[in-house]
Amino acid sequence: MAIAEIHNEQKAVESKPKLSFEKFLQICPTDGRYELVDGEIIVVANTRQHEDIVAFIYKKFDGEIDRLDLNFVVRQNVSIKTARNDSSSQGRVPDLSVVNRNIWRSNPSDYSAFIEPLQLAVEVVSSNWEDDYIDKFEEYQNMGISEYWIIDYLANGSRNFLGNPKKKSVFVNLLDENGKYQTTRFTGDDKINSRTFPELDLTAAQILNI
C-alpha cells in the first residue's frame, strides 16, 4: 500500500466521530453483548470457563437473596452508563449485576441503561485485564457502585496487583464514606467478605478453581 493511501486511511480513522451514549443505545446490536468504550462499540466475548464462573457466582448470590429475603435481584446483561474522570460517558455491561429490587421493578418495560448505581458489580478478568483493574475500577467508583468484585482466575493482571509470582485472586472493592474504593484481596482458602451478602459462605478457591 502506498504511503499516501496509508495516510488517507489514518485520517479517515481519526476523523470518525465518536458515538454518544444515546446513539450507542439506538444502534447497538441485539445479538450479543456489547459495550461503548471511548466512543466505539466493542463486542464482548467470553470463554466457557469464564461463563461457568459467572454462573456459579450467580447461583450463590441468588441463593442468598432467597434465603435471607434480601431486597435485591441478580442479573446478567444489565447495561449501565458510566463516566471516566474526564467525564466521558461509557457503556458497560458487568458480568453480574446486583440491583435494588425496587429500582429494578420501578419501570419493568424499560429498555434503557441504568444510571442509578448498582449495589454490586462482578467482572471476571479476560486478556484485556486493564479494563477491569483500571478503567472499570474508575468508572464504577465514579458511579457509586457500593461493591465491585474483580475475579482474576487466570492471573492475567500485572504483578503490581497479583504479586511475584502472580497468584489467582479475587478482589473485593468497597466504597468508603469518601466515595473511594478500599480493596481487599482474597486467595486460596480465604473466605470472601461481602458487604452486600455478609453471611455468604464462599472462599476464593471455590471460585478460582472452577
Protein backbone atom coordinates (compact mmCIF):
# COMPACT_ATOMS: atom_id res chain seq x y z
CA MET A 1 0.00 0.00 0.00
CA ALA A 2 1.31 3.44 -0.93
CA ILE A 3 2.26 5.89 1.82
CA ALA A 4 -0.44 8.30 0.60
CA GLU A 5 -3.11 5.59 0.92
CA ILE A 6 -1.97 4.72 4.44
CA HIS A 7 -2.10 8.38 5.39
CA ASN A 8 -5.61 8.73 3.97
CA GLU A 9 -6.78 5.66 5.94
CA GLN A 10 -5.30 7.07 9.14
CA LYS A 11 -7.06 10.38 8.54
CA ALA A 12 -10.36 8.57 7.98
CA VAL A 13 -9.99 6.72 11.26
CA GLU A 14 -9.03 9.89 13.14
CA SER A 15 -11.98 11.82 11.71
CA LYS A 16 -14.54 9.12 12.50
CA PRO A 17 -16.93 10.68 15.02
CA LYS A 18 -17.21 9.05 18.41
CA LEU A 19 -20.59 7.67 19.37
CA SER A 20 -22.51 9.32 22.15
CA PHE A 21 -24.04 7.07 24.79
CA GLU A 22 -27.52 7.87 23.47
CA LYS A 23 -26.53 6.93 19.91
CA PHE A 24 -24.91 3.75 21.19
CA LEU A 25 -28.22 2.69 22.75
CA GLN A 26 -30.03 3.37 19.49
CA ILE A 27 -27.77 1.37 17.17
CA CYS A 28 -26.27 -1.27 19.48
CA PRO A 29 -26.86 -4.77 18.04
CA THR A 30 -29.16 -7.10 19.97
CA ASP A 31 -27.49 -10.38 19.00
CA GLY A 32 -24.82 -10.39 21.69
CA ARG A 33 -23.13 -8.38 24.42
CA TYR A 34 -21.61 -5.02 23.56
CA GLU A 35 -20.05 -2.09 25.41
CA LEU A 36 -19.33 1.51 24.48
CA VAL A 37 -15.65 2.23 25.05
CA ASP A 38 -14.10 5.55 24.03
CA GLY A 39 -16.91 6.21 21.57
CA GLU A 40 -16.77 2.83 19.82
CA ILE A 41 -18.96 -0.26 20.06
CA ILE A 42 -16.93 -3.20 21.39
CA VAL A 43 -18.14 -6.79 21.28
CA VAL A 44 -17.71 -8.80 24.50
CA ALA A 45 -16.93 -12.50 24.03
CA ASN A 46 -16.21 -14.91 26.88
CA THR A 47 -14.72 -18.39 27.19
CA ARG A 48 -16.74 -21.29 28.59
CA GLN A 49 -14.72 -21.26 31.81
CA HIS A 50 -15.45 -17.55 32.17
CA GLU A 51 -19.17 -18.24 31.77
CA ASP A 52 -19.01 -21.15 34.26
CA ILE A 53 -17.55 -18.83 36.91
CA VAL A 54 -20.28 -16.26 36.27
CA ALA A 55 -22.97 -18.95 36.51
CA PHE A 56 -21.52 -20.27 39.79
CA ILE A 57 -21.49 -16.83 41.42
CA TYR A 58 -24.97 -16.09 40.09
CA LYS A 59 -26.31 -19.16 41.91
CA LYS A 60 -24.54 -18.19 45.13
CA PHE A 61 -25.89 -14.64 45.08
CA ASP A 62 -29.39 -15.69 44.07
CA GLY A 63 -29.42 -18.30 46.83
CA GLU A 64 -28.51 -15.69 49.46
CA ILE A 65 -31.20 -13.35 48.19
CA ASP A 66 -33.83 -16.10 48.52
CA ARG A 67 -32.53 -17.44 51.84
CA LEU A 68 -32.44 -14.05 53.58
CA ASP A 69 -35.27 -12.43 51.59
CA LEU A 70 -32.98 -9.57 50.57
CA ASN A 71 -34.34 -6.69 48.54
CA PHE A 72 -32.08 -7.36 45.55
CA VAL A 73 -32.15 -9.07 42.18
CA VAL A 74 -29.10 -10.52 40.43
CA ARG A 75 -28.95 -10.25 36.64
CA GLN A 76 -26.65 -10.62 33.66
CA ASN A 77 -26.61 -8.27 30.67
CA VAL A 78 -27.53 -5.14 32.61
CA SER A 79 -26.36 -2.07 30.68
CA ILE A 80 -25.09 0.81 32.77
CA LYS A 81 -23.94 4.32 31.90
CA THR A 82 -20.60 5.15 33.48
CA ALA A 83 -18.17 8.05 33.27
CA ARG A 84 -14.40 8.42 33.34
CA ASN A 85 -12.63 11.04 35.44
CA ASP A 86 -12.60 13.25 32.32
CA SER A 87 -16.45 12.99 32.29
CA SER A 88 -16.54 10.98 29.04
CA SER A 89 -19.51 8.59 29.02
CA GLN A 90 -19.01 4.84 28.61
CA GLY A 91 -21.48 1.98 28.29
CA ARG A 92 -20.71 -1.10 30.35
CA VAL A 93 -22.33 -4.49 30.90
CA PRO A 94 -20.89 -6.16 34.03
CA ASP A 95 -20.64 -9.93 34.05
CA LEU A 96 -23.05 -9.83 37.00
CA SER A 97 -25.10 -7.01 38.49
CA VAL A 98 -26.89 -6.96 41.83
CA VAL A 99 -29.63 -4.33 41.76
CA ASN A 100 -32.05 -2.97 44.34
CA ARG A 101 -35.32 -4.78 43.64
CA ASN A 102 -37.41 -1.61 43.93
CA ILE A 103 -35.31 0.15 41.31
CA TRP A 104 -35.34 -2.88 39.02
CA ARG A 105 -39.12 -3.17 39.12
CA SER A 106 -39.88 0.56 39.03
CA ASN A 107 -40.18 0.50 35.23
CA PRO A 108 -40.50 -3.12 34.05
CA SER A 109 -40.93 -2.25 30.36
CA ASP A 110 -37.83 -0.04 30.23
CA TYR A 111 -35.02 -0.93 27.82
CA SER A 112 -32.72 1.93 28.72
CA ALA A 113 -29.44 1.60 30.56
CA PHE A 114 -29.14 2.09 34.29
CA ILE A 115 -27.91 5.43 35.51
CA GLU A 116 -28.58 4.56 39.16
CA PRO A 117 -25.67 2.91 41.00
CA LEU A 118 -25.74 -0.86 41.17
CA GLN A 119 -25.38 -2.45 44.59
CA LEU A 120 -22.69 -4.84 43.36
CA ALA A 121 -20.89 -5.47 40.06
CA VAL A 122 -18.77 -8.50 39.20
CA GLU A 123 -16.18 -8.63 36.43
CA VAL A 124 -14.29 -11.80 35.50
CA VAL A 125 -10.92 -10.80 34.06
CA SER A 126 -10.08 -11.65 30.46
CA SER A 127 -6.91 -10.96 28.48
CA ASN A 128 -7.63 -7.21 28.45
CA TRP A 129 -7.17 -7.04 32.21
CA GLU A 130 -6.62 -3.27 32.30
CA ASP A 131 -10.34 -2.78 31.58
CA ASP A 132 -11.34 -4.38 34.88
CA TYR A 133 -8.45 -3.29 37.10
CA ILE A 134 -8.15 0.29 35.89
CA ASP A 135 -10.91 1.60 33.60
CA LYS A 136 -13.94 -0.06 35.19
CA PHE A 137 -12.49 0.47 38.67
CA GLU A 138 -12.50 4.20 37.95
CA GLU A 139 -15.91 4.19 36.27
CA TYR A 140 -17.69 2.03 38.86
CA GLN A 141 -16.22 4.12 41.66
CA ASN A 142 -17.45 7.30 39.95
CA MET A 143 -20.90 5.77 39.51
CA GLY A 144 -21.08 4.97 43.21
CA ILE A 145 -21.36 1.19 42.93
CA SER A 146 -21.09 0.08 46.55
CA GLU A 147 -19.23 -3.18 45.91
CA TYR A 148 -17.11 -4.26 42.94
CA TRP A 149 -15.60 -7.74 42.55
CA ILE A 150 -12.66 -8.43 40.22
CA ILE A 151 -12.11 -12.15 39.65
CA ASP A 152 -8.74 -12.93 38.06
CA TYR A 153 -8.92 -16.70 37.62
CA LEU A 154 -6.05 -16.82 35.10
CA ALA A 155 -3.79 -14.36 36.93
CA ASN A 156 -3.81 -12.09 33.87
CA GLY A 157 -3.28 -8.87 35.82
CA SER A 158 0.12 -7.30 36.44
CA ARG A 159 2.42 -8.21 39.32
CA ASN A 160 1.52 -4.89 40.92
CA PHE A 161 -1.85 -6.45 41.69
CA LEU A 162 -1.07 -10.19 41.86
CA GLY A 163 2.40 -10.27 43.40
CA ASN A 164 5.50 -12.08 42.21
CA PRO A 165 4.96 -14.88 41.36
CA LYS A 166 1.47 -13.93 40.25
CA LYS A 167 -1.38 -15.67 42.06
CA LYS A 168 -5.02 -16.11 41.05
CA SER A 169 -7.10 -13.72 43.14
CA VAL A 170 -10.49 -12.27 43.94
CA PHE A 171 -10.52 -8.55 44.73
CA VAL A 172 -13.44 -7.02 46.61
CA ASN A 173 -13.60 -3.24 46.35
CA LEU A 174 -15.88 -1.50 48.85
CA LEU A 175 -16.87 2.14 48.56
CA ASP A 176 -15.91 4.13 51.66
CA GLU A 177 -17.50 7.26 53.15
CA ASN A 178 -15.41 9.42 50.80
CA GLY A 179 -16.63 7.63 47.68
CA LYS A 180 -13.33 5.78 47.15
CA TYR A 181 -12.80 2.04 46.82
CA GLN A 182 -10.95 0.20 49.57
CA THR A 183 -9.62 -3.07 48.19
CA THR A 184 -9.19 -6.45 49.85
CA ARG A 185 -7.52 -9.34 48.04
CA PHE A 186 -8.60 -12.95 48.61
CA THR A 187 -6.67 -16.05 47.54
CA GLY A 188 -6.75 -19.78 48.27
CA ASP A 189 -8.99 -20.70 51.19
CA ASP A 190 -9.61 -17.08 52.23
CA LYS A 191 -13.29 -16.56 52.97
CA ILE A 192 -14.64 -13.68 50.93
CA ASN A 193 -16.12 -10.78 52.90
CA SER A 194 -19.03 -9.12 51.15
CA ARG A 195 -20.91 -6.02 52.29
CA THR A 196 -23.94 -6.97 50.20
CA PHE A 197 -24.00 -10.60 51.33
CA PRO A 198 -22.48 -10.59 54.84
CA GLU A 199 -23.40 -14.24 55.52
CA LEU A 200 -22.02 -15.54 52.22
CA ASP A 201 -20.09 -18.78 52.77
CA LEU A 202 -17.64 -18.73 49.89
CA THR A 203 -13.88 -18.96 49.51
CA ALA A 204 -11.66 -17.61 46.77
CA ALA A 205 -10.62 -21.14 45.81
CA GLN A 206 -14.21 -22.21 45.20
CA ILE A 207 -14.44 -19.54 42.52
CA LEU A 208 -10.91 -19.62 41.12
CA ASN A 209 -10.68 -23.40 40.73
CA ILE A 210 -13.82 -23.88 38.63
